[in-house]
Amino acid sequence: MENFDKFYRYFERPPFAPVYYPTPEEFLDPIAYVAKIRPEAEEYGVVKIIPPENFKPPFAINNETFEFTPRIQKLNEVEAL
């Protein structure tokens, strides 16, 4: 518990990431929208983009050919604080 207290004593909350709310017209081409906000967004390193409510992307995975290989994680080898 001592290490835990020592760590959090000096913890500073990171600043909030900017949030963008594109219009439906701006989000017709999401890649172009990201390119448009990129100069401003790069200053922060991370941003949050909330798509318009009417944005409904098509399901992009082919169920016939998609295979998922799960990772096996040995919990006894995971370190904790």
Protein backbone atom coordinates (compact mmCIF):
# COMPACT_ATOMS: atom_id res chain seq x y z
CA MET A 1 0.00 0.00 0.00
CA GLU A 2 2.96 2.29 0.60
CA ASN A 3 4.00 2.26 -3.09
CA PHE A 4 0.40 2.99 -4.07
CA ASP A 5 0.23 6.08 -1.82
CA LYS A 6 3.65 7.25 -2.96
CA PHE A 7 2.62 7.03 -6.62
CA TYR A 8 -0.66 8.91 -6.24
CA ARG A 9 0.76 11.64 -4.04
CA TYR A 10 2.49 13.09 -7.12
CA PHE A 11 -0.20 12.23 -9.64
CA GLU A 12 -1.52 15.13 -11.71
CA ARG A 13 -4.73 14.63 -13.65
CA PRO A 14 -4.01 14.97 -17.38
CA PRO A 15 -5.90 17.68 -19.25
CA PHE A 16 -9.13 16.72 -20.95
CA ALA A 17 -8.97 15.86 -24.63
CA PRO A 18 -10.77 18.23 -27.01
CA VAL A 19 -14.13 16.95 -28.23
CA TYR A 20 -15.31 17.51 -31.81
CA TYR A 21 -18.93 17.35 -32.98
CA PRO A 22 -18.90 17.26 -36.80
CA THR A 23 -22.05 18.06 -38.75
CA PRO A 24 -23.58 15.36 -40.96
CA GLU A 25 -22.18 17.17 -44.02
CA GLU A 26 -18.66 17.32 -42.56
CA PHE A 27 -18.82 13.63 -41.65
CA LEU A 28 -19.84 12.37 -45.08
CA ASP A 29 -16.13 11.68 -45.54
CA PRO A 30 -14.75 10.88 -42.05
CA ILE A 31 -11.15 10.64 -43.30
CA ALA A 32 -11.39 14.12 -44.83
CA TYR A 33 -12.82 15.42 -41.55
CA VAL A 34 -9.92 13.98 -39.57
CA ALA A 35 -7.50 15.56 -42.06
CA LYS A 36 -9.30 18.89 -41.60
CA ILE A 37 -8.97 18.91 -37.79
CA ARG A 38 -5.51 17.32 -37.78
CA PRO A 39 -3.44 20.53 -37.39
CA GLU A 40 -5.35 21.50 -34.25
CA ALA A 41 -5.71 17.94 -32.94
CA GLU A 42 -1.99 17.17 -33.21
CA GLU A 43 -1.29 19.73 -30.50
CA TYR A 44 -3.14 17.53 -27.99
CA GLY A 45 -2.07 14.04 -29.06
CA VAL A 46 -5.58 12.69 -28.56
CA VAL A 47 -9.07 13.95 -29.38
CA LYS A 48 -12.60 12.60 -29.16
CA ILE A 49 -14.84 12.77 -32.22
CA ILE A 50 -18.57 12.33 -31.60
CA PRO A 51 -20.18 11.35 -34.92
CA PRO A 52 -23.55 12.83 -35.88
CA GLU A 53 -26.57 10.86 -34.66
CA ASN A 54 -27.49 9.84 -38.20
CA PHE A 55 -24.06 8.24 -38.81
CA LYS A 56 -24.66 4.51 -39.29
CA PRO A 57 -21.61 2.85 -40.85
CA PRO A 58 -22.17 -0.49 -42.58
CA PHE A 59 -20.98 -3.65 -40.85
CA ALA A 60 -17.50 -4.14 -42.31
CA ILE A 61 -16.68 -7.75 -41.40
CA ASN A 62 -17.46 -10.65 -43.69
CA ASN A 63 -18.95 -13.28 -41.37
CA GLU A 64 -18.16 -16.03 -43.88
CA THR A 65 -14.39 -15.50 -43.92
CA PHE A 66 -13.58 -13.72 -40.65
CA GLU A 67 -11.66 -15.73 -38.07
CA PHE A 68 -10.87 -14.51 -34.60
CA THR A 69 -7.87 -15.93 -32.77
CA PRO A 70 -8.11 -15.22 -29.05
CA ARG A 71 -5.01 -14.39 -27.05
CA ILE A 72 -4.31 -16.53 -24.03
CA GLN A 73 -3.28 -14.40 -21.09
CA LYS A 74 -1.86 -16.12 -18.04
CA LEU A 75 -3.22 -14.09 -15.14
CA ASN A 76 -0.68 -15.49 -12.71
CA GLU A 77 2.02 -13.74 -14.79
CA VAL A 78 0.35 -10.32 -14.74
CA GLU A 79 1.90 -7.81 -12.35
CA ALA A 80 -0.22 -5.63 -10.09
CA LEU A 81 0.59 -2.50 -8.11
